Amino acid sequence: MATMHDGPLSPAERATLGKEARMRVPRSSHAVYAPDEKRPDPVDIIERQSGSRVRELVPVRYGRMLESPFRFYRGAAAIMASDLGASAHTGLYAQLCGDAHLLNFRLLASPERHLVFDINDFDETLPGPFEWDVKRLAASLVIAGRANAFPAKQCDGLVRAAVEAYRKRMRDLAGLRTLDVWYARDDFDQMQTLLDAPLRKDDEQRASRASVKARSRTSLQAAAKLTRVEDGVHRIISDPPLITPLDELLAGTERGELERMLRDLIAGYMSTLSSERRHVLSRFHVADMARKVVGVGSVGTRCWIILLLGRDDEDPLLLQAKEAGESVLAPYCGASEYENQGERVVAGQRLMQAASDIFLGWKHVTGFDGRERDFYVRQLRDWKGIARPETMDAETLALFARMCGASLARAHARSGDPIAIGAYLGRGDSFERALVEFARAYADQNERDHQALGEAVTEGRVAARTDLAE
């Protein structure tokens, strides 16, 4: 993890670092988004990403990105990283999510079985300038607001709500002791206290329903949906190309080699877990495996679901082993300190999340094709509650935006310097006003890039499969 200084500095000196950053990059300068003629072709960027992915799944990725500007944005983290990397930055580093759009904030289970609100996706995590995550969140809110046909003023209000919550939470965290910052977490049942505002009755009811639904999304629920018992054998249900069991992917020797690789992956990754978690996992055995298509931006990466059984068929556990490549931020922030990209993801997640999955780990494997790949492993589902912005009115989405902004500040403060970042942000609303302008301009850019992908499909430059929505 990069640091901003050597040796201990007093709180006053750390605040000075933040204020000095204003001289290099004034807060008002964040309003500017003005790409030049040398801006890379957005389709070229995502095509380069696709080069290392499963070829037959790439059209699924493009089909999902074509569905709407927001779906495109979810798959376009590499494009935005390129745009942010070309701009001046504060130099105030924190561990970044790297893809902090609003749908990557959700309800999750802590190991103590508390329902918490936190960031979920860390495929692109890497240390970098704190404002890059904030800008990605801000732009996603405008894009989501436009999808709901909100007027421009309401879209601006969404950004202002998120960024103000980020600024105020960061300044609050700057006044806490180091361990208090580390122990801070956002228990969902106490979110109203964090937001410091009464909830409408409709929002209270929505929150209650979300809590109940999230608690129902367990391995048992996932197994009931994705598996069945046939002739006394517990198997993953085939739904190609979205879920494809090994028997349908390959045959003969190649199928056997793939199964061996996945069994080695699960057995070997256990060494990255703490001893008590290895003990728990050792009580399960592998019953079946399948390839799974996930998300939007991740489509085409090698992702496997592994069905494990404990005491009997009524004791299932579903793990997800997902390929990890280099972060889209690496060309602009430098390579990860971890050689294994799976370890990069896991380390970043553990650093940013207040409470991580107990079965989160990583492994490097050599595939049956002879190629070496990195993976990280986690539970497929454990109390996950996913937001549906398309069902929210402007006030509810603004509430959700504040939750995201506050949670992102807490995540950044665990690795970055909350005193320096808080001092840079200041007491006023300069940063909020700047990001309103930036988010509006970048949402326009995203619409142009979405259109460019559509034109590339029409021209036959790339192929898209549009019959497989997420």
Protein backbone atom coordinates (compact mmCIF):
# COMPACT_ATOMS: atom_id res chain seq x y z
CA MET A 1 0.00 0.00 0.00
CA ALA A 2 1.47 3.34 -1.04
CA THR A 3 1.99 5.95 1.66
CA MET A 4 2.00 9.71 1.41
CA HIS A 5 4.89 10.35 3.78
CA ASP A 6 7.74 8.73 5.69
CA GLY A 7 7.81 8.80 9.46
CA PRO A 8 5.14 9.91 11.95
CA LEU A 9 3.37 13.19 11.34
CA SER A 10 1.11 15.03 13.73
CA PRO A 11 -2.58 15.47 12.89
CA ALA A 12 -1.88 19.13 12.08
CA GLU A 13 0.89 18.15 9.65
CA ARG A 14 -1.35 15.57 8.01
CA ALA A 15 -4.07 18.19 7.59
CA THR A 16 -1.48 20.46 5.99
CA LEU A 17 -0.78 17.74 3.42
CA GLY A 18 -4.43 17.77 2.46
CA LYS A 19 -4.59 21.54 2.19
CA GLU A 20 -1.39 21.63 0.14
CA ALA A 21 -3.00 19.22 -2.32
CA ARG A 22 -5.55 21.96 -3.05
CA MET A 23 -2.72 24.03 -4.48
CA ARG A 24 -1.78 21.28 -6.94
CA VAL A 25 -5.34 20.28 -7.77
CA PRO A 26 -7.96 22.84 -6.69
CA ARG A 27 -11.25 21.31 -5.68
CA SER A 28 -13.04 23.30 -8.38
CA SER A 29 -10.80 21.69 -11.03
CA HIS A 30 -12.57 18.36 -10.57
CA ALA A 31 -15.53 19.83 -12.47
CA VAL A 32 -13.61 19.66 -15.73
CA TYR A 33 -13.95 16.72 -18.06
CA ALA A 34 -12.58 17.60 -21.46
CA PRO A 35 -11.15 14.66 -23.43
CA ASP A 36 -8.76 15.58 -26.21
CA GLU A 37 -8.42 14.18 -29.71
CA LYS A 38 -5.98 11.54 -28.46
CA ARG A 39 -8.61 9.87 -26.29
CA PRO A 40 -8.47 6.12 -27.06
CA ASP A 41 -11.34 4.53 -28.93
CA PRO A 42 -13.63 3.11 -26.20
CA VAL A 43 -14.41 0.02 -28.26
CA ASP A 44 -10.69 -0.65 -28.66
CA ILE A 45 -10.29 -0.57 -24.88
CA ILE A 46 -12.98 -3.13 -24.18
CA GLU A 47 -11.83 -5.24 -27.13
CA ARG A 48 -8.33 -5.42 -25.61
CA GLN A 49 -9.90 -6.65 -22.37
CA SER A 50 -11.87 -9.25 -24.27
CA GLY A 51 -8.73 -10.67 -25.84
CA SER A 52 -7.95 -12.78 -22.78
CA ARG A 53 -11.53 -13.89 -22.13
CA VAL A 54 -13.55 -16.93 -23.13
CA ARG A 55 -14.18 -16.19 -26.80
CA GLU A 56 -17.71 -17.56 -27.08
CA LEU A 57 -18.86 -15.48 -24.09
CA VAL A 58 -17.58 -12.10 -25.29
CA PRO A 59 -20.71 -11.46 -27.42
CA VAL A 60 -22.78 -11.97 -24.26
CA ARG A 61 -20.78 -9.22 -22.57
CA TYR A 62 -21.34 -6.80 -25.44
CA GLY A 63 -25.03 -7.71 -25.63
CA ARG A 64 -25.47 -6.85 -21.97
CA MET A 65 -23.54 -3.60 -22.36
CA LEU A 66 -25.78 -2.61 -25.28
CA GLU A 67 -28.96 -2.86 -23.20
CA SER A 68 -28.66 0.67 -21.78
CA PRO A 69 -26.11 3.39 -20.97
CA PHE A 70 -26.10 2.19 -17.36
CA ARG A 71 -25.38 -1.42 -18.37
CA PHE A 72 -22.63 -0.11 -20.62
CA TYR A 73 -21.14 1.87 -17.73
CA ARG A 74 -21.02 -1.24 -15.56
CA GLY A 75 -18.82 -2.90 -18.16
CA ALA A 76 -16.72 0.16 -18.91
CA ALA A 77 -14.46 0.47 -15.85
CA ALA A 78 -11.38 0.23 -18.10
CA ILE A 79 -12.62 3.12 -20.24
CA MET A 80 -13.16 5.38 -17.25
CA ALA A 81 -9.81 4.36 -15.76
CA SER A 82 -8.18 5.54 -18.98
CA ASP A 83 -10.01 8.86 -18.76
CA LEU A 84 -9.16 9.39 -15.08
CA GLY A 85 -5.57 8.32 -15.63
CA ALA A 86 -5.13 11.14 -18.16
CA SER A 87 -6.15 13.82 -15.63
CA ALA A 88 -4.38 15.50 -12.73
CA HIS A 89 -5.03 13.95 -9.33
CA THR A 90 -4.64 14.89 -5.68
CA GLY A 91 -1.95 12.35 -4.79
CA LEU A 92 -4.01 11.49 -1.69
CA TYR A 93 -4.09 7.72 -1.99
CA ALA A 94 -6.39 5.10 -0.54
CA GLN A 95 -7.19 1.53 -1.46
CA LEU A 96 -9.68 1.96 -4.29
CA CYS A 97 -12.57 -0.27 -5.25
CA GLY A 98 -11.77 0.65 -8.85
CA ASP A 99 -15.39 0.17 -9.93
CA ALA A 100 -17.41 2.05 -7.32
CA HIS A 101 -20.66 2.45 -9.24
CA LEU A 102 -23.83 2.41 -7.17
CA LEU A 103 -24.73 -1.26 -7.80
CA ASN A 104 -21.45 -2.35 -6.23
CA PHE A 105 -22.80 -1.20 -2.85
CA ARG A 106 -25.14 -3.67 -1.22
CA LEU A 107 -26.23 -5.55 1.88
CA LEU A 108 -23.86 -8.28 3.04
CA ALA A 109 -23.50 -10.67 5.97
CA SER A 110 -20.75 -10.20 8.53
CA PRO A 111 -19.16 -13.33 10.07
CA GLU A 112 -21.13 -12.50 13.23
CA ARG A 113 -24.33 -12.69 11.11
CA HIS A 114 -25.03 -8.97 11.20
CA LEU A 115 -26.47 -7.35 8.09
CA VAL A 116 -24.09 -4.61 6.94
CA PHE A 117 -23.99 -2.15 4.06
CA ASP A 118 -20.68 -2.19 2.21
CA ILE A 119 -18.87 -2.37 -1.12
CA ASN A 120 -19.14 -5.75 -2.80
CA ASP A 121 -16.99 -5.94 -5.95
CA PHE A 122 -13.20 -5.66 -5.82
CA ASP A 123 -12.05 -7.05 -9.16
CA GLU A 124 -10.31 -3.76 -9.98
CA THR A 125 -9.07 -2.83 -6.50
CA LEU A 126 -5.71 -1.07 -6.26
CA PRO A 127 -4.26 1.87 -4.31
CA GLY A 128 -4.94 5.15 -6.11
CA PRO A 129 -6.22 8.74 -5.74
CA PHE A 130 -9.30 8.70 -3.51
CA GLU A 131 -11.30 10.93 -5.84
CA TRP A 132 -11.33 8.38 -8.66
CA ASP A 133 -13.75 6.13 -6.74
CA VAL A 134 -15.89 9.13 -5.82
CA LYS A 135 -16.07 10.22 -9.46
CA ARG A 136 -17.10 6.75 -10.62
CA LEU A 137 -19.87 6.69 -8.03
CA ALA A 138 -20.99 10.22 -8.93
CA ALA A 139 -21.23 9.52 -12.65
CA SER A 140 -23.16 6.29 -12.03
CA LEU A 141 -25.81 8.24 -10.12
CA VAL A 142 -26.43 10.63 -13.00
CA ILE A 143 -26.61 7.72 -15.45
CA ALA A 144 -29.08 5.89 -13.18
CA GLY A 145 -31.12 9.07 -12.69
CA ARG A 146 -31.37 9.62 -16.42
CA ALA A 147 -32.49 6.02 -16.88
CA ASN A 148 -35.36 6.84 -14.51
CA ALA A 149 -36.18 9.96 -16.55
CA PHE A 150 -35.32 12.24 -13.63
CA PRO A 151 -34.81 15.88 -14.64
CA ALA A 152 -31.26 17.25 -14.61
CA LYS A 153 -31.78 19.06 -11.30
CA GLN A 154 -32.72 15.82 -9.54
CA CYS A 155 -29.75 13.99 -11.09
CA ASP A 156 -27.49 16.76 -9.80
CA GLY A 157 -29.08 16.30 -6.39
CA LEU A 158 -28.15 12.62 -6.35
CA VAL A 159 -24.48 13.49 -6.87
CA ARG A 160 -24.59 16.23 -4.28
CA ALA A 161 -26.15 13.85 -1.75
CA ALA A 162 -23.47 11.17 -2.24
CA VAL A 163 -20.48 13.49 -2.28
CA GLU A 164 -21.66 15.52 0.69
CA ALA A 165 -22.12 12.29 2.65
CA TYR A 166 -18.62 11.20 1.65
CA ARG A 167 -17.10 14.54 2.72
CA LYS A 168 -18.90 14.70 6.05
CA ARG A 169 -18.19 11.06 6.92
CA MET A 170 -14.52 11.46 6.04
CA ARG A 171 -14.23 14.53 8.25
CA ASP A 172 -15.96 12.69 11.09
CA LEU A 173 -13.57 9.75 10.70
CA ALA A 174 -10.63 12.16 10.75
CA GLY A 175 -11.48 12.94 14.37
CA LEU A 176 -11.48 9.32 15.52
CA ARG A 177 -8.71 7.19 16.94
CA THR A 178 -7.01 4.80 14.53
CA LEU A 179 -8.68 1.66 15.88
CA ASP A 180 -12.09 3.34 15.98
CA VAL A 181 -11.74 4.04 12.25
CA TRP A 182 -10.82 0.41 11.66
CA TYR A 183 -13.73 -0.95 13.72
CA ALA A 184 -16.31 1.33 12.11
CA ARG A 185 -18.93 -0.47 10.06
CA ASP A 186 -22.36 0.29 8.68
CA ASP A 187 -24.88 -2.00 10.33
CA PHE A 188 -27.99 -1.82 8.20
CA ASP A 189 -30.32 -1.69 11.19
CA GLN A 190 -28.53 1.48 12.31
CA MET A 191 -28.27 3.23 8.95
CA GLN A 192 -30.83 5.85 9.96
CA THR A 193 -28.45 7.01 12.69
CA LEU A 194 -25.61 7.25 10.18
CA LEU A 195 -27.74 9.23 7.73
CA ASP A 196 -28.81 11.59 10.52
CA ALA A 197 -32.22 12.07 8.93
CA PRO A 198 -35.67 10.56 9.45
CA LEU A 199 -36.87 8.09 6.84
CA ARG A 200 -40.17 8.32 5.04
CA LYS A 201 -42.58 5.53 5.87
CA ASP A 202 -42.19 4.15 2.34
CA ASP A 203 -38.42 4.01 2.76
CA GLU A 204 -38.70 2.33 6.15
CA GLN A 205 -40.90 -0.34 4.58
CA ARG A 206 -38.51 -0.71 1.64
CA ALA A 207 -35.57 -1.10 4.03
CA SER A 208 -37.44 -3.72 6.04
CA ARG A 209 -38.27 -5.72 2.90
CA ALA A 210 -34.67 -5.44 1.71
CA SER A 211 -33.41 -6.75 5.04
CA VAL A 212 -35.72 -9.76 4.96
CA LYS A 213 -34.87 -10.54 1.34
CA ALA A 214 -31.11 -10.23 1.90
CA ARG A 215 -31.24 -12.63 4.86
CA SER A 216 -33.00 -15.17 2.66
CA ARG A 217 -30.23 -15.13 0.02
CA THR A 218 -28.08 -17.94 1.45
CA SER A 219 -26.28 -21.01 0.15
CA LEU A 220 -29.45 -22.96 0.89
CA GLN A 221 -31.51 -20.60 -1.28
CA ALA A 222 -28.87 -20.61 -4.02
CA ALA A 223 -28.69 -24.40 -3.94
CA ALA A 224 -32.47 -24.68 -4.16
CA LYS A 225 -32.42 -22.47 -7.27
CA LEU A 226 -29.28 -23.74 -8.99
CA THR A 227 -29.09 -27.44 -8.09
CA ARG A 228 -31.24 -30.55 -7.97
CA VAL A 229 -30.94 -34.22 -6.99
CA GLU A 230 -31.07 -36.65 -9.93
CA ASP A 231 -30.93 -40.39 -9.32
CA GLY A 232 -29.66 -39.73 -5.83
CA VAL A 233 -26.86 -37.42 -7.04
CA HIS A 234 -26.78 -33.70 -6.25
CA ARG A 235 -26.01 -31.74 -9.44
CA ILE A 236 -25.87 -28.15 -10.68
CA ILE A 237 -28.71 -27.41 -13.10
CA SER A 238 -27.60 -26.80 -16.68
CA ASP A 239 -28.60 -23.47 -18.27
CA PRO A 240 -26.07 -22.88 -21.05
CA PRO A 241 -24.32 -20.64 -21.77
CA LEU A 242 -25.05 -18.95 -18.43
CA ILE A 243 -24.44 -22.08 -16.35
CA THR A 244 -22.68 -24.99 -18.03
CA PRO A 245 -21.68 -28.13 -16.09
CA LEU A 246 -18.29 -29.66 -16.88
CA ASP A 247 -19.83 -32.62 -18.74
CA GLU A 248 -21.31 -30.21 -21.30
CA LEU A 249 -18.14 -28.15 -21.73
CA LEU A 250 -15.62 -30.88 -22.48
CA ALA A 251 -15.35 -34.63 -22.83
CA GLY A 252 -12.80 -37.33 -22.22
CA THR A 253 -9.30 -36.40 -21.11
CA GLU A 254 -9.85 -32.64 -21.30
CA ARG A 255 -12.92 -32.87 -19.08
CA GLY A 256 -10.95 -34.90 -16.55
CA GLU A 257 -8.09 -32.40 -16.60
CA LEU A 258 -10.47 -29.51 -16.02
CA GLU A 259 -12.05 -31.28 -13.06
CA ARG A 260 -8.61 -32.01 -11.63
CA MET A 261 -7.64 -28.35 -11.98
CA LEU A 262 -10.77 -27.17 -10.17
CA ARG A 263 -10.35 -29.71 -7.39
CA ASP A 264 -6.72 -28.61 -7.00
CA LEU A 265 -7.88 -24.98 -6.97
CA ILE A 266 -10.31 -25.57 -4.09
CA ALA A 267 -7.89 -27.77 -2.15
CA GLY A 268 -4.98 -25.37 -2.66
CA TYR A 269 -6.85 -22.14 -1.97
CA MET A 270 -7.68 -23.40 1.52
CA SER A 271 -4.10 -22.61 2.55
CA THR A 272 -4.97 -18.89 2.24
CA LEU A 273 -7.71 -19.22 4.88
CA SER A 274 -7.16 -19.01 8.61
CA SER A 275 -6.87 -22.37 10.37
CA GLU A 276 -10.38 -22.39 11.86
CA ARG A 277 -11.93 -21.58 8.48
CA ARG A 278 -9.91 -24.32 6.83
CA HIS A 279 -11.27 -26.66 9.46
CA VAL A 280 -14.88 -25.71 8.69
CA LEU A 281 -14.36 -26.01 4.93
CA SER A 282 -12.64 -29.38 5.30
CA ARG A 283 -15.97 -30.81 6.49
CA PHE A 284 -17.40 -30.32 3.00
CA HIS A 285 -16.64 -32.32 -0.14
CA VAL A 286 -16.94 -31.34 -3.79
CA ALA A 287 -20.11 -32.68 -5.44
CA ASP A 288 -20.31 -30.84 -8.77
CA MET A 289 -18.84 -27.96 -10.79
CA ALA A 290 -19.99 -25.67 -13.59
CA ARG A 291 -18.93 -22.59 -15.52
CA LYS A 292 -21.03 -19.52 -14.73
CA VAL A 293 -21.52 -16.20 -16.52
CA VAL A 294 -21.60 -13.33 -14.02
CA GLY A 295 -22.44 -9.64 -14.11
CA VAL A 296 -21.75 -7.34 -17.04
CA GLY A 297 -18.12 -6.25 -16.97
CA SER A 298 -16.98 -9.69 -15.80
CA VAL A 299 -18.66 -11.65 -18.58
CA GLY A 300 -16.06 -13.74 -20.39
CA THR A 301 -13.70 -14.10 -17.46
CA ARG A 302 -13.39 -17.69 -16.30
CA CYS A 303 -15.81 -18.15 -13.44
CA TRP A 304 -16.73 -21.45 -11.82
CA ILE A 305 -19.30 -22.42 -9.25
CA ILE A 306 -18.47 -25.38 -7.07
CA LEU A 307 -21.17 -27.26 -5.18
CA LEU A 308 -19.94 -28.70 -1.89
CA LEU A 309 -21.91 -30.85 0.53
CA GLY A 310 -21.43 -31.18 4.28
CA ARG A 311 -23.24 -33.75 6.37
CA ASP A 312 -25.73 -34.63 3.58
CA ASP A 313 -27.63 -33.26 0.58
CA GLU A 314 -29.44 -30.81 2.86
CA ASP A 315 -26.14 -29.18 3.85
CA PRO A 316 -24.93 -27.41 0.65
CA LEU A 317 -22.33 -24.73 0.16
CA LEU A 318 -21.76 -22.97 -3.16
CA LEU A 319 -18.39 -21.38 -3.78
CA GLN A 320 -17.49 -19.14 -6.70
CA ALA A 321 -13.97 -19.25 -8.15
CA LYS A 322 -13.43 -16.25 -10.40
CA GLU A 323 -10.48 -15.44 -12.62
CA ALA A 324 -8.56 -12.33 -11.58
CA GLY A 325 -6.60 -10.31 -14.11
CA GLU A 326 -4.65 -7.11 -13.76
CA SER A 327 -6.65 -4.15 -12.41
CA VAL A 328 -7.83 -1.61 -14.99
CA LEU A 329 -6.13 0.98 -12.76
CA ALA A 330 -2.67 -0.60 -13.06
CA PRO A 331 -1.54 1.34 -16.18
CA TYR A 332 -2.15 4.59 -14.27
CA CYS A 333 -1.42 3.66 -10.63
CA GLY A 334 1.33 1.08 -11.11
CA ALA A 335 1.34 -2.69 -10.82
CA SER A 336 0.01 -4.36 -7.70
CA GLU A 337 2.45 -5.33 -4.97
CA TYR A 338 0.94 -8.81 -5.19
CA GLU A 339 2.11 -11.12 -7.96
CA ASN A 340 -1.08 -13.14 -7.69
CA GLN A 341 -3.99 -11.05 -8.95
CA GLY A 342 -6.38 -13.13 -6.86
CA GLU A 343 -4.44 -12.13 -3.77
CA ARG A 344 -4.64 -8.50 -4.95
CA VAL A 345 -8.44 -8.76 -4.99
CA VAL A 346 -8.64 -10.49 -1.62
CA ALA A 347 -6.19 -8.09 0.06
CA GLY A 348 -8.06 -5.08 -1.29
CA GLN A 349 -11.39 -6.48 -0.17
CA ARG A 350 -10.14 -7.23 3.32
CA LEU A 351 -8.65 -3.76 3.55
CA MET A 352 -11.79 -1.92 2.42
CA GLN A 353 -14.63 -4.04 3.80
CA ALA A 354 -15.54 -3.87 7.45
CA ALA A 355 -16.42 -7.58 7.42
CA SER A 356 -15.44 -10.00 4.65
CA ASP A 357 -16.64 -13.45 3.63
CA ILE A 358 -15.14 -16.14 5.87
CA PHE A 359 -14.25 -18.27 2.82
CA LEU A 360 -12.52 -15.51 0.86
CA GLY A 361 -9.15 -16.66 -0.52
CA TRP A 362 -7.03 -17.04 -3.66
CA LYS A 363 -5.04 -19.52 -5.75
CA HIS A 364 -2.75 -19.66 -8.78
CA VAL A 365 -3.42 -22.60 -11.09
CA THR A 366 -2.19 -24.06 -14.35
CA GLY A 367 -5.09 -25.01 -16.59
CA PHE A 368 -5.45 -28.09 -18.76
CA ASP A 369 -4.50 -25.78 -21.67
CA GLY A 370 -1.14 -25.13 -20.00
CA ARG A 371 -1.90 -21.46 -19.24
CA GLU A 372 -1.38 -20.04 -15.77
CA ARG A 373 -4.22 -18.06 -14.22
CA ASP A 374 -5.03 -16.44 -10.89
CA PHE A 375 -8.35 -16.93 -9.13
CA TYR A 376 -10.08 -15.72 -6.01
CA VAL A 377 -12.75 -17.72 -4.23
CA ARG A 378 -15.72 -16.68 -2.12
CA GLN A 379 -19.22 -17.85 -1.27
CA LEU A 380 -21.61 -17.50 -4.17
CA ARG A 381 -24.30 -15.99 -1.98
CA ASP A 382 -24.38 -14.95 1.66
CA TRP A 383 -27.14 -12.54 2.64
CA LYS A 384 -26.67 -10.32 -0.39
CA GLY A 385 -29.19 -7.56 -0.98
CA ILE A 386 -28.92 -5.80 -4.34
CA ALA A 387 -30.33 -2.32 -5.00
CA ARG A 388 -32.82 -1.76 -7.80
CA PRO A 389 -32.47 1.92 -8.70
CA GLU A 390 -35.01 1.61 -11.51
CA THR A 391 -37.72 1.11 -8.84
CA MET A 392 -36.70 4.19 -6.79
CA ASP A 393 -38.08 7.69 -6.90
CA ALA A 394 -35.65 10.61 -6.68
CA GLU A 395 -35.85 10.92 -2.89
CA THR A 396 -35.22 7.22 -2.28
CA LEU A 397 -32.33 7.14 -4.74
CA ALA A 398 -30.84 10.21 -3.03
CA LEU A 399 -31.07 8.34 0.28
CA PHE A 400 -29.27 5.39 -1.28
CA ALA A 401 -26.68 7.78 -2.74
CA ARG A 402 -25.95 9.12 0.75
CA MET A 403 -25.52 5.57 2.03
CA CYS A 404 -23.05 4.83 -0.77
CA GLY A 405 -21.06 8.02 -0.21
CA ALA A 406 -20.81 7.49 3.54
CA SER A 407 -19.83 3.84 3.14
CA LEU A 408 -17.18 4.67 0.54
CA ALA A 409 -15.61 7.23 2.90
CA ARG A 410 -15.41 4.61 5.65
CA ALA A 411 -13.81 2.14 3.25
CA HIS A 412 -11.22 4.70 2.09
CA ALA A 413 -10.41 5.81 5.64
CA ARG A 414 -9.27 2.29 6.55
CA SER A 415 -6.26 2.57 4.22
CA GLY A 416 -5.94 6.24 3.31
CA ASP A 417 -5.37 9.20 5.60
CA PRO A 418 -8.79 10.52 6.67
CA ILE A 419 -7.19 13.64 8.17
CA ALA A 420 -5.45 14.64 4.93
CA ILE A 421 -8.41 13.72 2.73
CA GLY A 422 -10.84 15.45 5.09
CA ALA A 423 -8.69 18.58 5.09
CA TYR A 424 -8.58 18.57 1.30
CA LEU A 425 -12.36 18.30 1.10
CA GLY A 426 -12.88 21.04 3.67
CA ARG A 427 -16.03 22.27 5.38
CA GLY A 428 -17.70 23.83 2.35
CA ASP A 429 -19.33 22.33 -0.71
CA SER A 430 -16.66 23.10 -3.33
CA PHE A 431 -15.97 19.43 -4.01
CA GLU A 432 -19.68 18.59 -4.28
CA ARG A 433 -20.32 21.36 -6.77
CA ALA A 434 -17.35 20.31 -8.87
CA LEU A 435 -18.40 16.67 -9.00
CA VAL A 436 -21.92 17.62 -10.04
CA GLU A 437 -20.40 19.20 -13.15
CA PHE A 438 -18.02 16.29 -13.71
CA ALA A 439 -20.71 13.64 -13.34
CA ARG A 440 -23.00 15.39 -15.79
CA ALA A 441 -20.21 15.66 -18.38
CA TYR A 442 -19.06 12.09 -17.88
CA ALA A 443 -22.61 10.75 -18.18
CA ASP A 444 -22.70 12.48 -21.58
CA GLN A 445 -19.42 10.79 -22.49
CA ASN A 446 -20.78 7.43 -21.40
CA GLU A 447 -23.78 7.87 -23.69
CA ARG A 448 -21.46 8.60 -26.61
CA ASP A 449 -19.36 5.53 -25.79
CA HIS A 450 -22.50 3.38 -25.53
CA GLN A 451 -23.52 4.63 -28.95
CA ALA A 452 -20.04 3.83 -30.29
CA LEU A 453 -20.42 0.21 -29.20
CA GLY A 454 -23.79 0.02 -30.91
CA GLU A 455 -22.27 1.35 -34.11
CA ALA A 456 -19.42 -1.16 -33.87
CA VAL A 457 -21.97 -3.98 -33.64
CA THR A 458 -23.98 -2.60 -36.57
CA GLU A 459 -20.83 -2.34 -38.69
CA GLY A 460 -19.83 -5.92 -37.84
CA ARG A 461 -16.69 -4.81 -36.03
CA VAL A 462 -17.76 -6.75 -32.92
CA ALA A 463 -20.49 -9.30 -32.33
CA ALA A 464 -23.15 -9.02 -29.64
CA ARG A 465 -25.65 -11.54 -28.30
CA THR A 466 -28.69 -9.69 -26.99
CA ASP A 467 -30.93 -12.58 -25.89
CA LEU A 468 -29.22 -13.21 -22.54
CA ALA A 469 -30.05 -10.38 -20.14
CA GLU A 470 -28.43 -10.47 -16.71
